[in-house]
Protein backbone atom coordinates (compact mmCIF):
# COMPACT_ATOMS: atom_id res chain seq x y z
CA MET A 1 94.65 33.05 164.85
CA GLU A 2 92.83 31.42 167.77
CA LYS A 3 93.76 27.77 168.20
CA LYS A 4 91.08 25.10 168.04
CA PHE A 5 91.23 21.75 169.77
CA LYS A 6 89.44 18.44 169.25
CA ARG A 7 89.61 15.06 170.88
CA ALA A 8 92.75 13.19 169.84
CA ILE A 9 90.72 10.20 168.67
CA GLY A 10 87.22 10.77 167.35
CA LEU A 11 84.76 10.09 164.58
CA GLU A 12 86.50 12.54 162.22
CA GLY A 13 89.73 10.53 162.21
CA ILE A 14 87.95 7.21 161.73
CA LEU A 15 85.87 8.50 158.80
CA PHE A 16 88.92 10.09 157.17
CA LEU A 17 90.89 6.83 157.48
CA ILE A 18 88.03 4.88 155.91
CA LEU A 19 87.79 7.41 153.06
CA ILE A 20 91.52 7.33 152.33
CA CYS A 21 91.64 3.53 152.40
CA ALA A 22 88.61 3.27 150.11
CA ALA A 23 90.06 5.78 147.61
CA GLY A 24 93.47 4.06 147.65
CA PHE A 25 91.86 0.63 147.14
CA TRP A 26 89.76 1.93 144.24
CA ILE A 27 92.63 3.66 142.44
CA GLY A 28 95.06 0.82 143.19
CA ARG A 29 92.62 -1.75 141.89
CA THR A 30 92.21 0.21 138.65
CA MET A 31 95.86 1.05 138.00
CA GLY A 32 97.72 -1.49 140.09
CA VAL A 33 99.26 -0.48 143.41
CA THR A 34 102.82 -0.28 142.09
CA ASN A 35 101.75 1.70 139.03
CA MET A 36 99.71 4.05 141.21
CA PHE A 37 102.67 5.00 143.41
CA ASN A 38 105.06 5.22 140.45
CA THR A 39 102.65 7.50 138.59
CA ILE A 40 102.19 9.80 141.58
CA MET A 41 105.95 10.17 142.16
CA ARG A 42 106.83 10.62 138.49
CA THR A 43 104.03 13.12 137.91
CA ALA A 44 105.20 15.18 140.88
CA HIS A 45 108.78 15.08 139.56
CA GLN A 46 107.74 16.21 136.08
CA LEU A 47 105.60 19.01 137.50
CA LEU A 48 108.55 20.25 139.55
CA LEU A 49 110.98 20.20 136.63
CA ASN A 50 108.76 21.36 133.76
CA THR A 51 106.09 23.51 135.41
CA VAL A 52 107.20 24.90 138.77
CA TRP A 53 110.53 26.32 137.58
CA PHE A 54 108.86 27.86 134.54
CA LEU A 55 106.26 29.50 136.79
CA LEU A 56 108.99 30.66 139.15
CA ALA A 57 110.82 32.41 136.30
CA ILE A 58 107.61 34.14 135.19
CA MET A 59 106.88 35.30 138.73
CA VAL A 60 110.36 36.73 139.16
CA LEU A 61 109.98 38.75 135.95
CA ALA A 62 106.44 39.82 136.84
CA GLY A 63 107.51 40.85 140.34
CA ALA A 64 110.38 42.89 138.96
CA ALA A 65 108.11 44.55 136.38
CA GLY A 66 105.54 45.43 139.04
CA ALA A 67 108.18 46.90 141.37
CA ILE A 68 109.81 49.07 138.74
CA MET A 69 106.44 50.36 137.50
CA GLY A 70 105.56 51.29 141.04
CA GLU A 71 108.93 52.93 141.66
CA PHE A 72 108.68 55.29 138.70
CA GLY A 73 104.99 56.13 138.98
CA VAL A 74 103.54 54.05 136.15
CA ILE A 75 101.06 52.46 138.52
CA ALA A 76 100.01 55.91 139.73
CA ILE A 77 99.37 56.97 136.13
CA PHE A 78 97.20 53.92 135.48
CA GLN A 79 95.39 54.54 138.74
CA ARG A 80 94.55 58.10 137.72
CA LEU A 81 93.33 56.95 134.31
CA LEU A 82 91.14 54.19 135.78
CA SER A 83 89.66 56.22 138.62
CA PRO A 84 86.76 57.75 136.62
CA LEU A 85 85.59 54.24 135.71
CA MET A 86 85.41 52.80 139.22
CA LYS A 87 82.24 54.50 140.50
CA PRO A 88 79.91 53.77 137.56
CA VAL A 89 81.33 50.29 136.91
CA TYR A 90 82.00 48.89 140.39
CA ASP A 91 80.25 51.42 142.66
CA LEU A 92 83.58 51.93 144.42
CA PRO A 93 85.67 55.10 144.87
CA GLY A 94 88.49 55.82 142.46
CA ALA A 95 91.06 54.83 145.07
CA ALA A 96 89.95 51.21 144.63
CA ALA A 97 91.68 51.23 141.21
CA LEU A 98 94.99 51.17 143.08
CA GLY A 99 93.98 47.89 144.71
CA LEU A 100 92.93 46.49 141.35
CA ILE A 101 96.34 47.24 139.87
CA THR A 102 98.37 45.93 142.80
CA THR A 103 96.52 42.62 142.88
CA TYR A 104 96.85 42.22 139.11
CA LEU A 105 100.60 42.59 139.50
CA SER A 106 100.81 40.27 142.52
CA ASP A 107 98.12 38.23 144.31
CA ASN A 108 94.71 38.53 146.00
CA PRO A 109 95.91 39.58 149.50
CA ALA A 110 97.90 42.52 148.08
CA ILE A 111 94.81 44.68 148.49
CA ILE A 112 94.71 44.13 152.26
CA PRO A 113 97.66 46.42 153.16
CA LEU A 114 95.97 49.21 151.21
CA ALA A 115 92.68 48.64 152.99
CA ARG A 116 94.44 49.14 156.32
CA GLU A 117 95.79 52.56 155.34
CA LYS A 118 93.81 55.39 156.93
CA GLU A 119 94.33 57.67 153.93
CA PHE A 120 93.01 54.94 151.64
CA LYS A 121 90.02 54.01 153.80
CA ARG A 122 88.66 57.55 154.14
CA TYR A 123 87.42 57.44 150.56
CA PHE A 124 85.17 54.48 151.35
CA LYS A 125 81.78 54.03 152.93
CA LYS A 126 81.45 51.07 155.27
CA TYR A 127 79.44 48.98 152.82
CA GLN A 128 82.22 49.24 150.21
CA ILE A 129 85.10 47.88 152.30
CA PRO A 130 84.07 44.17 152.27
CA ALA A 131 83.80 44.28 148.46
CA LEU A 132 87.55 44.92 148.26
CA THR A 133 88.00 41.18 148.85
CA ASN A 134 85.98 40.38 145.74
CA LEU A 135 87.61 43.16 143.70
CA GLY A 136 91.15 42.11 144.61
CA THR A 137 90.48 38.43 144.01
CA CYS A 138 89.09 39.09 140.52
CA PHE A 139 92.49 40.35 139.41
CA GLY A 140 94.82 38.36 141.68
CA MET A 141 97.82 36.91 139.84
CA GLY A 142 96.41 38.41 136.64
CA LEU A 143 99.78 39.33 135.15
CA ILE A 144 101.21 35.90 135.92
CA VAL A 145 98.23 33.99 134.50
CA THR A 146 98.10 36.15 131.37
CA THR A 147 101.85 35.92 130.75
CA PHE A 148 101.78 32.16 131.25
CA MET A 149 98.91 31.68 128.80
CA ILE A 150 100.52 33.88 126.17
CA GLY A 151 103.73 31.86 126.51
CA GLN A 152 102.04 28.53 125.75
CA LYS A 153 102.45 26.88 122.35
CA SER A 154 99.89 24.68 120.71
CA PRO A 155 101.01 21.59 118.74
CA SER A 156 99.22 23.20 115.79
CA GLY A 157 101.16 26.45 116.23
CA GLU A 158 98.14 28.47 117.39
CA ASN A 159 98.95 31.83 118.99
CA PHE A 160 97.21 32.55 122.29
CA VAL A 161 97.83 36.30 122.72
CA VAL A 162 94.32 37.30 121.65
CA ALA A 163 92.76 34.47 123.66
CA ALA A 164 94.57 35.57 126.83
CA LEU A 165 93.48 39.19 126.34
CA ILE A 166 89.88 38.04 125.82
CA GLY A 167 90.23 36.15 129.08
CA ASN A 168 91.19 39.41 130.80
CA VAL A 169 87.99 41.01 129.49
CA GLY A 170 86.03 38.04 130.79
CA ALA A 171 87.66 38.44 134.21
CA ILE A 172 86.67 42.12 134.28
CA ILE A 173 83.05 41.17 133.53
CA GLY A 174 83.14 38.46 136.20
CA GLY A 175 84.58 40.97 138.65
CA ILE A 176 81.78 43.44 138.01
CA VAL A 177 79.19 40.72 138.68
CA SER A 178 80.99 39.56 141.84
CA VAL A 179 81.47 43.04 143.33
CA ARG A 180 77.95 44.22 142.50
CA LEU A 181 76.38 41.10 144.04
CA MET A 182 78.54 41.57 147.13
CA LEU A 183 77.50 45.21 147.48
CA ILE A 184 73.82 44.27 147.44
CA GLY A 185 74.38 42.33 150.65
CA THR A 186 76.73 44.83 152.30
CA LYS A 187 74.32 47.73 151.72
CA LYS A 188 71.66 45.82 153.63
CA TYR A 189 74.13 45.02 156.41
CA TYR A 190 75.83 48.42 156.86
CA GLY A 191 73.48 50.87 155.19
CA LYS A 192 74.46 53.25 152.39
CA GLU A 193 75.47 56.43 154.18
CA GLU A 194 78.06 55.75 156.91
CA TRP A 195 81.71 56.45 156.08
CA VAL A 196 84.57 54.32 157.36
CA ILE A 197 86.28 57.45 158.72
CA ALA A 198 83.93 60.29 159.60
CA GLU A 199 86.57 63.03 159.56
CA ARG A 200 88.29 63.02 156.18
CA ASP A 201 91.15 65.40 155.41
CA ALA A 202 90.66 66.44 151.81
CA ASP A 203 93.96 68.32 151.61
CA ASP A 204 96.25 65.35 152.22
CA SER A 205 95.46 62.84 149.51
CA TYR A 206 97.00 59.39 149.72
CA LEU A 207 96.72 59.09 145.97
CA ASN A 208 98.73 62.24 145.24
CA ARG A 209 101.98 60.96 146.68
CA ARG A 210 104.05 57.81 146.51
CA GLU A 211 107.02 56.41 148.39
CA VAL A 212 110.27 55.99 146.43
CA ARG A 213 113.63 54.45 147.16
CA ALA A 214 116.68 56.52 148.05
CA GLY A 215 119.45 57.23 145.52
CA ASN A 216 119.78 58.11 141.86
CA ILE A 217 117.81 56.61 138.99
CA GLY A 218 120.25 53.76 138.42
CA ARG A 219 120.26 52.70 142.05
CA ARG A 220 116.47 52.92 142.32
CA THR A 221 116.11 50.85 139.15
CA LEU A 222 118.42 48.10 140.39
CA GLU A 223 116.85 47.98 143.84
CA ALA A 224 113.33 47.87 142.40
CA LEU A 225 114.25 45.07 140.01
CA LEU A 226 115.99 43.01 142.69
CA GLU A 227 113.37 43.53 145.40
CA GLY A 228 110.53 42.88 142.97
CA GLY A 229 112.29 39.78 141.70
CA LYS A 230 112.74 38.56 145.27
CA THR A 231 109.02 38.99 145.83
CA GLY A 232 108.47 36.86 142.72
CA VAL A 233 110.77 34.19 144.16
CA ASP A 234 108.77 34.14 147.39
CA MET A 235 105.51 33.78 145.46
CA GLY A 236 107.02 31.11 143.20
CA LEU A 237 108.24 29.04 146.13
CA SER A 238 104.91 29.41 147.91
CA ILE A 239 103.02 27.74 145.03
CA ILE A 240 105.23 24.63 144.94
CA PRO A 241 103.14 22.60 147.42
CA GLY A 242 99.92 23.54 145.64
CA VAL A 243 101.22 22.77 142.16
CA ILE A 244 102.79 19.43 143.08
CA CYS A 245 100.12 18.15 145.48
CA ILE A 246 96.98 19.44 143.81
CA CYS A 247 98.11 18.94 140.20
CA SER A 248 99.33 15.41 140.91
CA LEU A 249 95.91 14.56 142.37
CA VAL A 250 94.07 16.29 139.54
CA PHE A 251 96.08 14.50 136.85
CA LEU A 252 95.47 11.20 138.67
CA LEU A 253 91.73 11.88 138.49
CA THR A 254 91.77 13.43 135.01
CA SER A 255 94.03 11.42 132.71
CA GLY A 256 93.54 7.87 131.46
CA PRO A 257 95.94 4.96 130.84
CA SER A 258 98.85 5.10 128.38
CA GLU A 259 98.29 5.21 124.63
CA ASN A 260 98.14 1.42 124.34
CA GLY A 261 95.37 1.29 126.94
CA THR A 262 97.44 -0.16 129.78
CA TYR A 263 98.89 1.30 132.97
CA THR A 264 102.69 1.47 133.05
CA GLY A 265 103.36 3.70 136.05
CA ALA A 266 104.42 6.60 133.79
CA ALA A 267 103.84 10.23 134.70
CA PHE A 268 100.41 11.77 134.06
CA GLU A 269 98.45 8.52 133.89
CA GLY A 270 95.15 8.39 135.77
CA ILE A 271 91.71 6.91 136.19
CA GLY A 272 89.75 9.52 134.19
CA VAL A 273 87.16 10.54 136.79
CA PHE A 274 87.04 14.20 135.74
CA GLY A 275 86.76 13.14 132.11
CA TRP A 276 83.76 10.99 133.01
CA ILE A 277 82.18 13.83 134.99
CA GLY A 278 82.90 16.26 132.16
CA THR A 279 81.27 13.93 129.65
CA LYS A 280 78.14 13.71 131.79
CA LEU A 281 78.11 17.52 132.12
CA SER A 282 78.97 18.21 128.47
CA PHE A 283 75.40 19.37 127.82
CA ILE A 284 76.19 22.26 130.18
CA LEU A 285 79.92 22.78 129.57
CA LYS A 286 79.73 22.84 125.77
CA PRO A 287 77.18 25.67 125.35
CA LEU A 288 78.45 27.72 128.32
CA PHE A 289 82.24 27.36 127.96
CA GLY A 290 82.77 25.63 124.62
CA PHE A 291 85.11 22.98 126.06
CA GLN A 292 86.30 20.47 123.47
CA SER A 293 86.99 17.83 126.11
CA GLY A 294 85.27 17.05 129.39
CA GLN A 295 88.70 16.82 131.02
CA ALA A 296 88.97 20.61 130.78
CA ILE A 297 86.68 20.84 133.80
CA ALA A 298 89.77 20.08 135.89
CA PHE A 299 91.04 23.66 135.41
CA PRO A 300 88.06 25.48 136.98
CA ILE A 301 87.92 22.95 139.82
CA THR A 302 91.61 23.42 140.60
CA SER A 303 91.31 27.22 140.32
CA LEU A 304 88.95 27.18 143.28
CA GLY A 305 91.88 26.35 145.54
CA ALA A 306 95.02 27.48 143.69
CA VAL A 307 95.30 29.09 140.27
CA GLY A 308 99.06 28.49 140.35
CA ALA A 309 98.29 24.78 140.41
CA ALA A 310 95.55 25.14 137.79
CA ILE A 311 97.78 26.73 135.16
CA GLY A 312 100.17 23.84 135.68
CA LEU A 313 97.55 21.65 133.97
CA VAL A 314 97.56 23.67 130.75
CA PRO A 315 100.76 22.37 129.08
CA GLY A 316 99.58 18.77 129.49
CA PHE A 317 96.17 19.57 128.03
CA LEU A 318 97.77 21.33 125.07
CA ALA A 319 100.19 18.49 124.41
CA LYS A 320 97.26 16.06 124.23
CA GLY A 321 95.23 18.37 121.98
CA LEU A 322 92.42 18.63 124.50
CA ILE A 323 92.18 22.42 124.46
CA GLY A 324 92.60 25.34 122.06
CA GLY A 325 92.22 29.11 121.95
CA ASN A 326 88.69 29.12 123.33
CA GLU A 327 89.73 27.14 126.38
CA ILE A 328 92.74 29.43 126.94
CA ALA A 329 90.38 32.43 126.96
CA VAL A 330 87.98 30.73 129.37
CA PHE A 331 90.82 29.43 131.57
CA THR A 332 92.36 32.91 131.75
CA ALA A 333 89.03 34.47 132.75
CA ILE A 334 88.17 31.86 135.38
CA GLY A 335 91.77 31.55 136.60
CA MET A 336 92.06 35.30 137.17
CA CYS A 337 88.57 35.77 138.56
CA TRP A 338 88.65 32.86 140.99
CA SER A 339 92.44 32.73 141.58
CA GLY A 340 92.18 30.31 144.46
CA TYR A 341 89.52 32.32 146.29
CA LEU A 342 88.43 29.41 148.50
CA SER A 343 91.89 29.45 150.07
CA THR A 344 92.13 33.25 150.49
CA HIS A 345 88.62 34.68 151.02
CA VAL A 346 88.30 33.63 154.64
CA GLY A 347 91.63 35.18 155.65
CA MET A 348 91.02 38.34 153.63
CA MET A 349 87.56 38.92 155.08
CA ASP A 350 88.91 38.31 158.55
CA ALA A 351 91.70 40.83 157.93
CA LEU A 352 89.12 43.41 156.88
CA GLY A 353 87.08 42.77 160.02
CA CYS A 354 84.15 41.42 157.99
CA ARG A 355 84.21 37.74 158.93
CA GLU A 356 80.42 37.58 159.21
CA LEU A 357 80.10 38.35 155.48
CA THR A 358 82.50 35.64 154.30
CA GLY A 359 79.72 33.38 153.02
CA ARG A 360 78.27 36.25 151.01
CA ALA A 361 81.68 37.02 149.51
CA ILE A 362 82.27 33.39 148.49
CA GLY A 363 78.79 33.00 146.99
CA SER A 364 79.07 36.23 145.00
CA HIS A 365 82.49 35.30 143.72
CA THR A 366 81.43 31.83 142.63
CA ILE A 367 78.76 33.38 140.40
CA GLY A 368 81.17 36.06 139.17
CA GLY A 369 83.80 33.53 138.09
CA LEU A 370 81.26 31.47 136.15
CA CYS A 371 79.97 34.61 134.44
CA GLY A 372 83.53 35.58 133.54
CA GLY A 373 84.17 32.21 131.89
CA VAL A 374 80.91 32.33 129.94
CA ALA A 375 81.62 35.89 128.80
CA ALA A 376 85.11 34.93 127.60
CA HIS A 377 83.69 32.03 125.57
CA PHE A 378 81.12 34.15 123.73
CA ILE A 379 83.55 37.03 123.16
CA TYR A 380 86.03 34.54 121.69
CA ILE A 381 83.35 33.21 119.34
CA LEU A 382 82.44 36.74 118.22
CA ILE A 383 86.06 37.80 117.58
CA ARG A 384 87.45 34.59 116.12
């Protein structure tokens, strides 16, 4: 990427210093300076021990599962089954189903390598290519988010399998809204008729072949499991900064003092800003998402930047009895549909050569994620 330079000392640095000092003074005055630093360090430590390693284990298993399904053609089977749905539902060619599956099994940018393949691109018209960013992001980290939610246990013993599956349906609905809104803009920008590749070879279909590893079935199985697991390790390690930094900040702004009403410097204490905001917005959050507590707003806010960090909030919310099955459904839908899109959309659009449409992609996806969460809430009400 092209490097940018600014003056070493300027207004930006002065304003940032003032902002940091003001925030530190405000939080320190509320909690006590010593308690503030103790809480931050202990929260980060607990997140590393109890959340990050759990997520890492899930990602290793999910990576291995995705690799072995790809190795033995399961993904290709799903792709063939889903292809007839893509045109009427998303206004995309059937080949786009392959991108949907790969991102569900991994993360948002997994669709980019496909979009660079000539044999993949020749099925697309120019106006459809930018929408791959929205499509891939709707399902990014879907398997990991769903598995994590299913694995959670409520203090009341509530099972969250159905809630997580409802969340997947909500994410699909949000994805349809996001992609369709995006295509409205891209049709105006590119027109409806021009193909990405004018000369398309219909005899050599990218979707009718797949690359496999060398060796017998046993060797291919082991290599797929190990390589997929290694991919999961890489993804798991990559979320550590987001989980620790973002979740620590979110808990600091979400939680309140200890049970006796005082600050002790323990992990997960905070000043309750998000709870206050959620209370003020409860007239919107309650009918749209059905949140029991205003603090639940922390999950969608965190999902904007990193869904790996957002799901790290869930065990704490459950332990405090702040959320239930409805929230798990809504969190799954929003977590999948947004999946940290503010941190990936710019790079993905740039990789597709559609930088000028980045704002359109972000706006469409914001609306899509909200629609997915609302849909999950009402579906949960109807089913439960």
